[in-house]
Amino acid sequence: MVGCVLRIYNKYFVCSDKRTVLARNNIAAMFAIKLVSVLVNLAMVPLVINYINIERYGVWLTLTSLISWFSFFDIGLTNGLRNKFAEAKAKNDHVLARCYISTTYALLMVIFFVIWIVFGLINMILNWSEILNVSKVLNDELRIIVLIVVTLFCIQFVLKTVHTIMVADQKPAYASFFDMLAQLLSLIALNVLLKSYKSSLIYMSIVISVSPIIILFISSVYFFNNQLKLYSPSIKYVDMSLVKDLGSISIKFFVLQLSTFVLYQVNNIIIAHVGTSSDVAIYNIVFKYMGVVLIIATVIYSPFWSAFTEAYVVKDMMWMKRIYKKMFKVNLYLIIVVLFMVLISDNVYKLWVGGDVKISLIYTFVVGLYVWIMSLLFFMSQILNGMGKIYLQLLLSFLSLTHLYVGYFLGCIYGVQGVVMSSIIISSIMAYYATIQVDKIINNSASGIWIK
């Protein structure tokens, strides 16, 4: 097994050009980091279930899915910054790169402060027990939890900009390392809660939400005083004239983010309404397990967004064609990983969450297929986003809106598997056309809508 992995690594990643070597080193480091992250995430599931029970765990998952909608209020600024920073750095315009960073921080702080104020007022009249389809007894508790989580989420989102910059600087391993530290800190804190405090969603929400903020603050101080010192944000470098430049691509990324959210994150909400909170928890157990495949794909493909931005700016078509062919083959190998994980899933579930949670092989396979299609779509999106060719993606993204209806409709007929089937159908269509577009661009045969 180890020999096989080494042969694949040597075949697809050993190379002498600087861009590929940088990507290779990030991939190698991220595999080690993500392995720890996966183990931490897996360890947290039974811990949380033991602390608040599986039904409340489902409530928490549904709630956090709803709150993640707030990430879209950045209107795509962080992804816009990712491309603009990479372009400026490729042209050795360090002052412009610093201006992009400073301006983005300023805009995000204003946006999320306004969101926090407005939500604080609205939250007082929202009926969270109806929104989450749970007992009315939980309404007051949920209102407090939501306010806590939204407050900490707004702080976290602004601080996380430093990780976007690290990824744009083709150093995603650094961002992954600090993400892993945040997860590890949450795990340690949850262990303390389990041993010292009675079951409480409020305590758990504070622990899980504060841990990333602590680590993000530390990483921001570290990076902007070391590797990113040349680009550290400063009010002197805030240039509002760059808002239009950032906004032109940011709005497009905003639409893509929204479609991605509808496809991948809204499932918890739909399942909560066609099933129960326990169904949400079970779906997430399967998704976390099969999601290992998506984590592998993310580790491999993430370094190539900014690498393709740089290559496209300098017109290095030969490099792009070579890397595309290699990475496409890697994605085919992931099918084997999916099938293997499905076959051993029953034993894994028993060891992981105990024998009381019953999950069928078909259910696991359906989620596994969905995860693999996500990995293919993620790969194509990394390339297209890096090159700024997102017009066709924008058009296809409107398909994701049909998931709200199709997912609910199929969920009422086939249960939770029907919700996942809806995601599979829509993701497959988007991945199919994205693959055609990438192939055309790489082979210099794109024209019309395919080159936009």
Protein backbone atom coordinates (compact mmCIF):
# COMPACT_ATOMS: atom_id res chain seq x y z
CA MET A 1 0.00 0.00 0.00
CA VAL A 2 2.76 2.44 1.00
CA GLY A 3 4.77 1.48 -2.08
CA CYS A 4 1.74 2.16 -4.28
CA VAL A 5 1.25 5.61 -2.76
CA LEU A 6 4.93 6.43 -3.26
CA ARG A 7 4.79 5.37 -6.93
CA ILE A 8 1.75 7.58 -7.53
CA TYR A 9 3.44 10.47 -5.73
CA ASN A 10 6.64 10.10 -7.79
CA LYS A 11 4.70 9.80 -11.03
CA TYR A 12 2.44 12.81 -10.56
CA PHE A 13 4.27 15.21 -8.27
CA VAL A 14 8.04 14.82 -8.64
CA CYS A 15 9.11 17.59 -10.99
CA SER A 16 11.77 20.29 -11.28
CA ASP A 17 9.79 23.43 -12.20
CA LYS A 18 9.34 25.88 -9.33
CA ARG A 19 5.54 26.16 -9.53
CA THR A 20 5.00 22.39 -9.36
CA VAL A 21 7.62 21.90 -6.65
CA LEU A 22 5.84 24.50 -4.51
CA ALA A 23 2.50 22.76 -5.06
CA ARG A 24 4.08 19.37 -4.33
CA ASN A 25 5.58 20.55 -1.03
CA ASN A 26 2.23 22.03 0.03
CA ILE A 27 0.42 18.82 -0.85
CA ALA A 28 2.88 16.69 1.13
CA ALA A 29 2.61 18.96 4.18
CA MET A 30 -1.18 19.23 3.92
CA PHE A 31 -1.61 15.45 3.82
CA ALA A 32 0.10 15.16 7.20
CA ILE A 33 -1.86 18.11 8.61
CA LYS A 34 -5.21 16.93 7.22
CA LEU A 35 -4.62 13.45 8.62
CA VAL A 36 -4.50 14.96 12.09
CA SER A 37 -7.54 17.13 11.28
CA VAL A 38 -9.54 14.12 10.13
CA LEU A 39 -8.69 12.19 13.30
CA VAL A 40 -9.64 15.19 15.45
CA ASN A 41 -12.95 15.65 13.60
CA LEU A 42 -13.78 11.97 13.90
CA ALA A 43 -12.96 12.02 17.61
CA MET A 44 -15.23 15.04 18.16
CA VAL A 45 -18.39 13.34 16.85
CA PRO A 46 -18.83 10.68 19.60
CA LEU A 47 -17.60 13.24 22.15
CA VAL A 48 -20.29 15.76 21.20
CA ILE A 49 -22.98 13.07 21.04
CA ASN A 50 -22.04 11.90 24.54
CA TYR A 51 -22.13 15.48 25.81
CA ILE A 52 -25.45 16.70 24.33
CA ASN A 53 -27.02 13.49 22.77
CA ILE A 54 -27.63 12.75 19.08
CA GLU A 55 -30.85 14.79 18.77
CA ARG A 56 -29.26 17.99 20.08
CA TYR A 57 -26.23 17.28 17.91
CA GLY A 58 -28.58 17.34 14.92
CA VAL A 59 -30.01 20.66 16.15
CA TRP A 60 -26.47 22.08 16.40
CA LEU A 61 -25.58 20.93 12.88
CA THR A 62 -28.74 22.45 11.40
CA LEU A 63 -28.17 25.68 13.29
CA THR A 64 -24.57 26.05 12.15
CA SER A 65 -25.65 25.32 8.56
CA LEU A 66 -28.03 28.27 8.77
CA ILE A 67 -25.46 30.58 10.35
CA SER A 68 -22.92 29.72 7.65
CA TRP A 69 -25.17 31.73 5.31
CA PHE A 70 -23.56 34.81 6.87
CA SER A 71 -20.31 34.00 5.10
CA PHE A 72 -21.90 35.20 1.87
CA PHE A 73 -22.18 38.74 3.14
CA ASP A 74 -18.52 39.17 2.24
CA ILE A 75 -19.92 39.33 -1.36
CA GLY A 76 -17.02 37.23 -2.60
CA LEU A 77 -14.35 39.67 -1.37
CA THR A 78 -12.00 37.02 0.00
CA ASN A 79 -12.01 35.02 -3.23
CA GLY A 80 -11.63 38.25 -5.20
CA LEU A 81 -8.65 39.14 -2.99
CA ARG A 82 -7.19 35.69 -3.64
CA ASN A 83 -7.01 36.30 -7.39
CA LYS A 84 -6.04 39.99 -7.23
CA PHE A 85 -3.28 39.35 -4.68
CA ALA A 86 -1.86 36.50 -6.79
CA GLU A 87 -1.94 38.67 -9.93
CA ALA A 88 -0.24 41.62 -8.20
CA LYS A 89 2.42 39.36 -6.71
CA ALA A 90 3.04 37.67 -10.09
CA LYS A 91 3.77 41.16 -11.46
CA ASN A 92 5.98 41.98 -8.42
CA ASP A 93 3.72 44.89 -7.47
CA HIS A 94 3.98 44.48 -3.70
CA VAL A 95 2.47 47.86 -2.87
CA LEU A 96 -0.67 47.06 -4.87
CA ALA A 97 -0.88 43.65 -3.18
CA ARG A 98 -0.71 45.34 0.24
CA CYS A 99 -3.41 47.81 -0.81
CA TYR A 100 -5.70 44.96 -1.85
CA ILE A 101 -5.20 43.29 1.54
CA SER A 102 -5.71 46.46 3.61
CA THR A 103 -8.80 47.46 1.63
CA THR A 104 -10.34 43.99 1.96
CA TYR A 105 -9.84 43.96 5.74
CA ALA A 106 -11.44 47.41 6.04
CA LEU A 107 -14.46 46.42 3.94
CA LEU A 108 -14.98 43.14 5.82
CA MET A 109 -14.87 44.86 9.22
CA VAL A 110 -17.51 47.37 8.16
CA ILE A 111 -19.73 44.71 6.53
CA PHE A 112 -19.69 42.30 9.46
CA PHE A 113 -20.14 45.01 12.08
CA VAL A 114 -23.32 46.13 10.30
CA ILE A 115 -24.48 42.49 10.02
CA TRP A 116 -23.92 41.97 13.75
CA ILE A 117 -25.97 45.04 14.66
CA VAL A 118 -28.85 44.21 12.32
CA PHE A 119 -28.96 40.54 13.31
CA GLY A 120 -28.90 41.38 17.01
CA LEU A 121 -32.14 43.32 16.52
CA ILE A 122 -33.82 40.72 14.29
CA ASN A 123 -32.83 37.81 16.54
CA MET A 124 -35.15 39.06 19.31
CA ILE A 125 -38.24 38.33 17.20
CA LEU A 126 -37.19 35.11 15.46
CA ASN A 127 -38.79 31.82 16.50
CA TRP A 128 -35.85 29.43 16.29
CA SER A 129 -37.83 26.37 17.39
CA GLU A 130 -40.01 26.70 14.27
CA ILE A 131 -37.07 27.50 11.99
CA LEU A 132 -35.18 24.39 13.14
CA ASN A 133 -38.29 22.23 13.51
CA VAL A 134 -37.61 21.38 17.18
CA SER A 135 -39.43 21.63 20.53
CA LYS A 136 -40.63 25.09 21.60
CA VAL A 137 -38.94 24.50 24.96
CA LEU A 138 -35.58 25.13 23.24
CA ASN A 139 -36.53 28.51 21.75
CA ASP A 140 -35.06 30.80 24.45
CA GLU A 141 -31.88 28.75 24.69
CA LEU A 142 -31.47 28.74 20.91
CA ARG A 143 -31.89 32.52 20.72
CA ILE A 144 -28.95 32.97 23.11
CA ILE A 145 -26.85 30.37 21.29
CA VAL A 146 -27.48 31.95 17.90
CA LEU A 147 -26.45 35.40 19.11
CA ILE A 148 -23.25 33.99 20.62
CA VAL A 149 -22.35 32.01 17.51
CA VAL A 150 -23.14 34.86 15.08
CA THR A 151 -21.06 37.32 17.13
CA LEU A 152 -18.06 35.00 17.21
CA PHE A 153 -18.59 34.00 13.57
CA CYS A 154 -18.32 37.65 12.43
CA ILE A 155 -15.03 38.08 14.31
CA GLN A 156 -13.75 34.76 12.99
CA PHE A 157 -14.59 35.56 9.38
CA VAL A 158 -12.63 38.83 9.36
CA LEU A 159 -9.61 37.21 11.04
CA LYS A 160 -9.67 34.29 8.60
CA THR A 161 -8.65 36.62 5.76
CA VAL A 162 -5.04 35.88 6.67
CA HIS A 163 -5.58 32.27 5.58
CA THR A 164 -6.96 33.42 2.21
CA ILE A 165 -3.76 35.41 1.73
CA MET A 166 -1.59 32.40 2.60
CA VAL A 167 -3.46 30.29 0.04
CA ALA A 168 -3.14 33.07 -2.58
CA ASP A 169 0.60 33.14 -1.80
CA GLN A 170 0.69 29.42 -2.70
CA LYS A 171 1.23 28.40 0.94
CA PRO A 172 -2.06 26.63 1.80
CA ALA A 173 -0.24 24.24 4.16
CA TYR A 174 0.23 27.09 6.65
CA ALA A 175 -3.50 27.86 6.62
CA SER A 176 -4.32 24.17 7.06
CA PHE A 177 -1.91 23.88 9.98
CA PHE A 178 -3.61 26.66 11.95
CA ASP A 179 -7.06 25.28 11.07
CA MET A 180 -5.92 21.98 12.52
CA LEU A 181 -4.72 23.72 15.69
CA ALA A 182 -8.17 25.33 16.09
CA GLN A 183 -9.85 21.93 15.78
CA LEU A 184 -7.41 20.43 18.27
CA LEU A 185 -8.10 23.23 20.74
CA SER A 186 -11.85 22.62 20.36
CA LEU A 187 -11.34 18.90 21.04
CA ILE A 188 -9.35 19.60 24.20
CA ALA A 189 -11.93 22.12 25.41
CA LEU A 190 -14.77 19.65 24.73
CA ASN A 191 -13.01 17.04 26.81
CA VAL A 192 -12.85 19.53 29.68
CA LEU A 193 -16.58 20.27 29.25
CA LEU A 194 -17.48 16.59 29.24
CA LYS A 195 -15.63 15.97 32.49
CA SER A 196 -16.42 19.20 34.35
CA TYR A 197 -19.78 20.62 33.24
CA LYS A 198 -23.32 19.40 32.72
CA SER A 199 -24.73 19.02 29.21
CA SER A 200 -25.26 22.46 27.63
CA LEU A 201 -25.57 23.62 24.02
CA ILE A 202 -24.57 27.12 25.17
CA TYR A 203 -21.27 25.96 26.68
CA MET A 204 -20.51 23.82 23.64
CA SER A 205 -21.26 26.64 21.19
CA ILE A 206 -18.89 28.97 23.05
CA VAL A 207 -16.08 26.41 23.10
CA ILE A 208 -16.38 25.49 19.42
CA SER A 209 -16.72 29.13 18.30
CA VAL A 210 -14.00 30.71 20.46
CA SER A 211 -11.25 28.18 19.68
CA PRO A 212 -10.81 29.25 16.01
CA ILE A 213 -10.72 32.94 17.01
CA ILE A 214 -7.85 32.35 19.43
CA ILE A 215 -5.82 30.48 16.81
CA LEU A 216 -6.67 32.93 14.01
CA PHE A 217 -5.52 35.87 16.13
CA ILE A 218 -2.24 34.12 16.89
CA SER A 219 -1.70 33.17 13.23
CA SER A 220 -2.47 36.73 12.06
CA VAL A 221 0.09 38.21 14.46
CA TYR A 222 2.65 35.59 13.45
CA PHE A 223 2.27 35.82 9.66
CA PHE A 224 2.04 39.60 9.42
CA ASN A 225 5.25 39.86 11.42
CA ASN A 226 7.08 37.21 9.42
CA GLN A 227 6.23 35.73 5.99
CA LEU A 228 3.61 38.38 5.18
CA LYS A 229 5.34 41.36 6.77
CA LEU A 230 5.66 43.04 3.36
CA TYR A 231 1.85 42.89 2.98
CA SER A 232 0.66 43.56 6.55
CA PRO A 233 -2.63 45.51 6.54
CA SER A 234 -2.48 49.17 7.44
CA ILE A 235 -5.01 51.99 7.36
CA LYS A 236 -2.50 53.96 5.26
CA TYR A 237 -2.88 51.39 2.47
CA VAL A 238 -6.68 51.31 2.42
CA ASP A 239 -7.56 52.47 -1.10
CA MET A 240 -11.28 52.71 -1.77
CA SER A 241 -10.61 53.17 -5.48
CA LEU A 242 -9.75 49.46 -5.53
CA VAL A 243 -13.26 48.51 -4.40
CA LYS A 244 -14.48 48.50 -8.00
CA ASP A 245 -11.51 46.38 -9.08
CA LEU A 246 -12.08 43.90 -6.24
CA GLY A 247 -15.85 44.03 -6.65
CA SER A 248 -15.90 43.23 -10.36
CA ILE A 249 -14.64 39.70 -9.74
CA SER A 250 -15.88 39.42 -6.14
CA ILE A 251 -19.55 39.66 -7.15
CA LYS A 252 -19.05 36.76 -9.55
CA PHE A 253 -17.40 34.69 -6.84
CA PHE A 254 -20.26 35.63 -4.51
CA VAL A 255 -22.78 34.02 -6.87
CA LEU A 256 -20.59 30.92 -7.14
CA GLN A 257 -20.27 30.75 -3.33
CA LEU A 258 -24.01 30.99 -2.99
CA SER A 259 -24.63 28.14 -5.44
CA THR A 260 -21.99 26.03 -3.70
CA PHE A 261 -23.66 26.64 -0.36
CA VAL A 262 -27.10 25.69 -1.66
CA LEU A 263 -25.71 22.45 -3.10
CA TYR A 264 -23.49 21.39 -0.22
CA GLN A 265 -24.69 23.06 2.98
CA VAL A 266 -28.46 23.33 2.71
CA ASN A 267 -28.89 19.55 2.93
CA ASN A 268 -28.95 19.75 6.74
CA ILE A 269 -31.84 22.19 6.60
CA ILE A 270 -33.83 20.14 4.06
CA ILE A 271 -33.24 16.90 5.98
CA ALA A 272 -34.39 18.57 9.21
CA HIS A 273 -37.76 19.27 7.55
CA VAL A 274 -38.28 15.99 5.66
CA GLY A 275 -36.95 13.96 8.60
CA THR A 276 -35.77 14.62 12.16
CA SER A 277 -32.79 16.14 13.94
CA SER A 278 -31.47 12.60 14.41
CA ASP A 279 -31.56 12.13 10.61
CA VAL A 280 -29.42 15.27 10.28
CA ALA A 281 -26.90 13.83 12.73
CA ILE A 282 -26.77 10.46 10.92
CA TYR A 283 -26.33 12.16 7.53
CA ASN A 284 -23.41 14.16 8.93
CA ILE A 285 -21.82 11.04 10.40
CA VAL A 286 -21.84 9.44 6.93
CA PHE A 287 -20.73 12.66 5.26
CA LYS A 288 -17.84 13.14 7.70
CA TYR A 289 -16.72 9.58 7.02
CA MET A 290 -16.98 9.67 3.23
CA GLY A 291 -15.84 13.30 3.31
CA VAL A 292 -12.32 11.99 3.84
CA VAL A 293 -12.26 11.60 0.04
CA LEU A 294 -13.14 15.28 -0.38
CA ILE A 295 -10.44 16.21 2.12
CA ILE A 296 -7.90 14.27 0.06
CA ALA A 297 -9.09 16.07 -3.08
CA THR A 298 -8.93 19.45 -1.33
CA VAL A 299 -5.37 18.78 -0.18
CA ILE A 300 -4.25 17.84 -3.69
CA TYR A 301 -6.10 20.50 -5.67
CA SER A 302 -6.08 23.57 -3.39
CA PRO A 303 -2.50 24.67 -4.24
CA PHE A 304 -3.38 24.84 -7.93
CA TRP A 305 -5.86 27.77 -7.83
CA SER A 306 -3.14 30.39 -7.35
CA ALA A 307 -0.66 28.33 -9.37
CA PHE A 308 -3.02 28.43 -12.35
CA THR A 309 -3.55 32.17 -11.80
CA GLU A 310 0.19 32.74 -12.08
CA ALA A 311 0.58 30.35 -15.03
CA TYR A 312 -2.31 31.96 -16.91
CA VAL A 313 -0.93 35.47 -16.33
CA VAL A 314 2.46 34.48 -17.81
CA LYS A 315 0.78 32.29 -20.53
CA ASP A 316 2.48 29.04 -19.48
CA MET A 317 0.02 26.81 -21.36
CA MET A 318 2.34 23.78 -21.45
CA TRP A 319 2.50 23.65 -17.66
CA MET A 320 -1.28 23.98 -17.33
CA LYS A 321 -1.90 21.19 -19.84
CA ARG A 322 0.57 18.85 -18.13
CA ILE A 323 -0.77 19.43 -14.61
CA TYR A 324 -4.39 19.14 -15.77
CA LYS A 325 -3.82 15.69 -17.27
CA LYS A 326 -2.05 14.44 -14.17
CA MET A 327 -4.63 15.78 -11.73
CA PHE A 328 -7.53 14.40 -13.78
CA LYS A 329 -6.03 10.91 -13.48
CA VAL A 330 -5.62 11.41 -9.74
CA ASN A 331 -9.34 12.11 -9.47
CA LEU A 332 -10.10 8.79 -11.16
CA TYR A 333 -8.08 6.99 -8.48
CA LEU A 334 -10.39 8.51 -5.87
CA ILE A 335 -13.24 6.30 -7.17
CA ILE A 336 -11.32 3.28 -5.86
CA VAL A 337 -10.94 4.97 -2.48
CA VAL A 338 -14.70 5.63 -2.36
CA LEU A 339 -15.60 2.00 -3.11
CA PHE A 340 -13.12 0.69 -0.53
CA MET A 341 -14.51 3.02 2.16
CA VAL A 342 -18.07 1.93 1.37
CA LEU A 343 -17.17 -1.76 1.72
CA ILE A 344 -15.62 -1.31 5.18
CA SER A 345 -18.10 1.33 6.38
CA ASP A 346 -20.19 -0.92 8.63
CA ASN A 347 -17.19 -1.91 10.75
CA VAL A 348 -15.96 1.69 10.83
CA TYR A 349 -19.31 2.99 12.10
CA LYS A 350 -19.42 0.37 14.87
CA LEU A 351 -15.92 1.27 16.06
CA TRP A 352 -16.50 5.02 15.70
CA VAL A 353 -19.99 5.81 17.02
CA GLY A 354 -21.10 2.45 18.38
CA GLY A 355 -23.54 -0.22 17.24
CA ASP A 356 -26.69 1.73 18.13
CA VAL A 357 -26.43 3.90 14.99
CA LYS A 358 -27.62 1.86 12.00
CA ILE A 359 -26.51 3.02 8.53
CA SER A 360 -27.10 1.00 5.36
CA LEU A 361 -24.44 0.25 2.74
CA ILE A 362 -26.60 1.85 0.02
CA TYR A 363 -26.90 5.06 2.02
CA THR A 364 -23.11 5.21 2.41
CA PHE A 365 -22.59 4.51 -1.30
CA VAL A 366 -24.97 7.31 -2.34
CA VAL A 367 -23.16 9.80 -0.10
CA GLY A 368 -19.81 8.46 -1.36
CA LEU A 369 -20.84 9.01 -4.98
CA TYR A 370 -21.94 12.54 -4.11
CA VAL A 371 -18.59 13.24 -2.43
CA TRP A 372 -16.63 11.98 -5.45
CA ILE A 373 -18.61 14.19 -7.86
CA MET A 374 -17.95 17.10 -5.48
CA SER A 375 -14.22 16.37 -5.67
CA LEU A 376 -14.32 16.41 -9.49
CA LEU A 377 -16.28 19.68 -9.54
CA PHE A 378 -13.89 21.16 -6.96
CA PHE A 379 -10.91 20.28 -9.18
CA MET A 380 -12.42 21.92 -12.24
CA SER A 381 -13.48 24.97 -10.23
CA GLN A 382 -9.97 25.46 -8.87
CA ILE A 383 -8.62 25.69 -12.42
CA LEU A 384 -11.38 27.90 -13.80
CA ASN A 385 -11.40 30.19 -10.77
CA GLY A 386 -7.63 30.53 -10.94
CA MET A 387 -7.84 31.63 -14.58
CA GLY A 388 -10.82 33.88 -13.86
CA LYS A 389 -13.01 31.97 -16.36
CA ILE A 390 -16.20 31.85 -14.33
CA TYR A 391 -18.96 33.11 -16.63
CA LEU A 392 -20.19 29.62 -17.57
CA GLN A 393 -19.98 28.61 -13.92
CA LEU A 394 -22.17 31.59 -13.10
CA LEU A 395 -24.82 30.46 -15.57
CA LEU A 396 -24.71 26.87 -14.32
CA SER A 397 -24.80 28.01 -10.70
CA PHE A 398 -28.47 28.90 -11.06
CA LEU A 399 -29.13 25.16 -11.36
CA SER A 400 -28.22 24.86 -7.69
CA LEU A 401 -31.26 26.91 -6.74
CA THR A 402 -33.46 24.08 -8.01
CA HIS A 403 -31.97 21.90 -5.26
CA LEU A 404 -34.15 23.66 -2.71
CA TYR A 405 -37.22 22.30 -4.50
CA VAL A 406 -35.89 19.08 -6.04
CA GLY A 407 -34.10 18.10 -2.81
CA TYR A 408 -37.24 18.63 -0.74
CA PHE A 409 -39.42 16.84 -3.34
CA LEU A 410 -37.16 13.77 -3.60
CA GLY A 411 -36.64 13.84 0.17
CA CYS A 412 -40.37 13.53 0.76
CA ILE A 413 -40.46 10.48 -1.55
CA TYR A 414 -37.16 8.68 -0.84
CA GLY A 415 -36.15 10.13 2.51
CA VAL A 416 -32.65 11.45 3.21
CA GLN A 417 -31.21 9.55 0.24
CA GLY A 418 -33.56 11.51 -2.02
CA VAL A 419 -32.03 14.79 -0.79
CA VAL A 420 -28.55 13.48 -1.61
CA MET A 421 -29.74 12.23 -5.02
CA SER A 422 -30.81 15.77 -5.88
CA SER A 423 -27.31 17.05 -5.05
CA ILE A 424 -25.78 14.29 -7.19
CA ILE A 425 -27.88 15.16 -10.25
CA ILE A 426 -27.19 18.90 -10.12
CA SER A 427 -23.46 18.50 -9.26
CA SER A 428 -23.02 16.04 -12.14
CA ILE A 429 -24.43 18.50 -14.68
CA MET A 430 -22.18 21.29 -13.40
CA ALA A 431 -19.10 19.04 -13.33
CA TYR A 432 -19.78 17.81 -16.88
CA TYR A 433 -19.81 21.28 -18.41
CA ALA A 434 -16.91 22.50 -16.26
CA THR A 435 -14.81 19.57 -17.50
CA ILE A 436 -15.60 20.42 -21.12
CA GLN A 437 -14.67 24.07 -20.57
CA VAL A 438 -11.35 23.29 -18.87
CA ASP A 439 -10.45 20.83 -21.62
CA LYS A 440 -11.18 23.44 -24.31
CA ILE A 441 -9.17 26.18 -22.60
CA ILE A 442 -6.20 23.93 -21.87
CA ASN A 443 -6.12 22.77 -25.51
CA ASN A 444 -6.56 26.30 -26.94
CA SER A 445 -9.88 25.42 -28.61
CA ALA A 446 -12.18 27.54 -26.42
CA SER A 447 -14.24 30.32 -27.94
CA GLY A 448 -17.46 32.17 -27.19
CA ILE A 449 -18.96 31.27 -23.83
CA TRP A 450 -16.25 28.67 -23.18
CA ILE A 451 -13.49 31.30 -22.92
CA LYS A 452 -15.39 33.77 -20.70
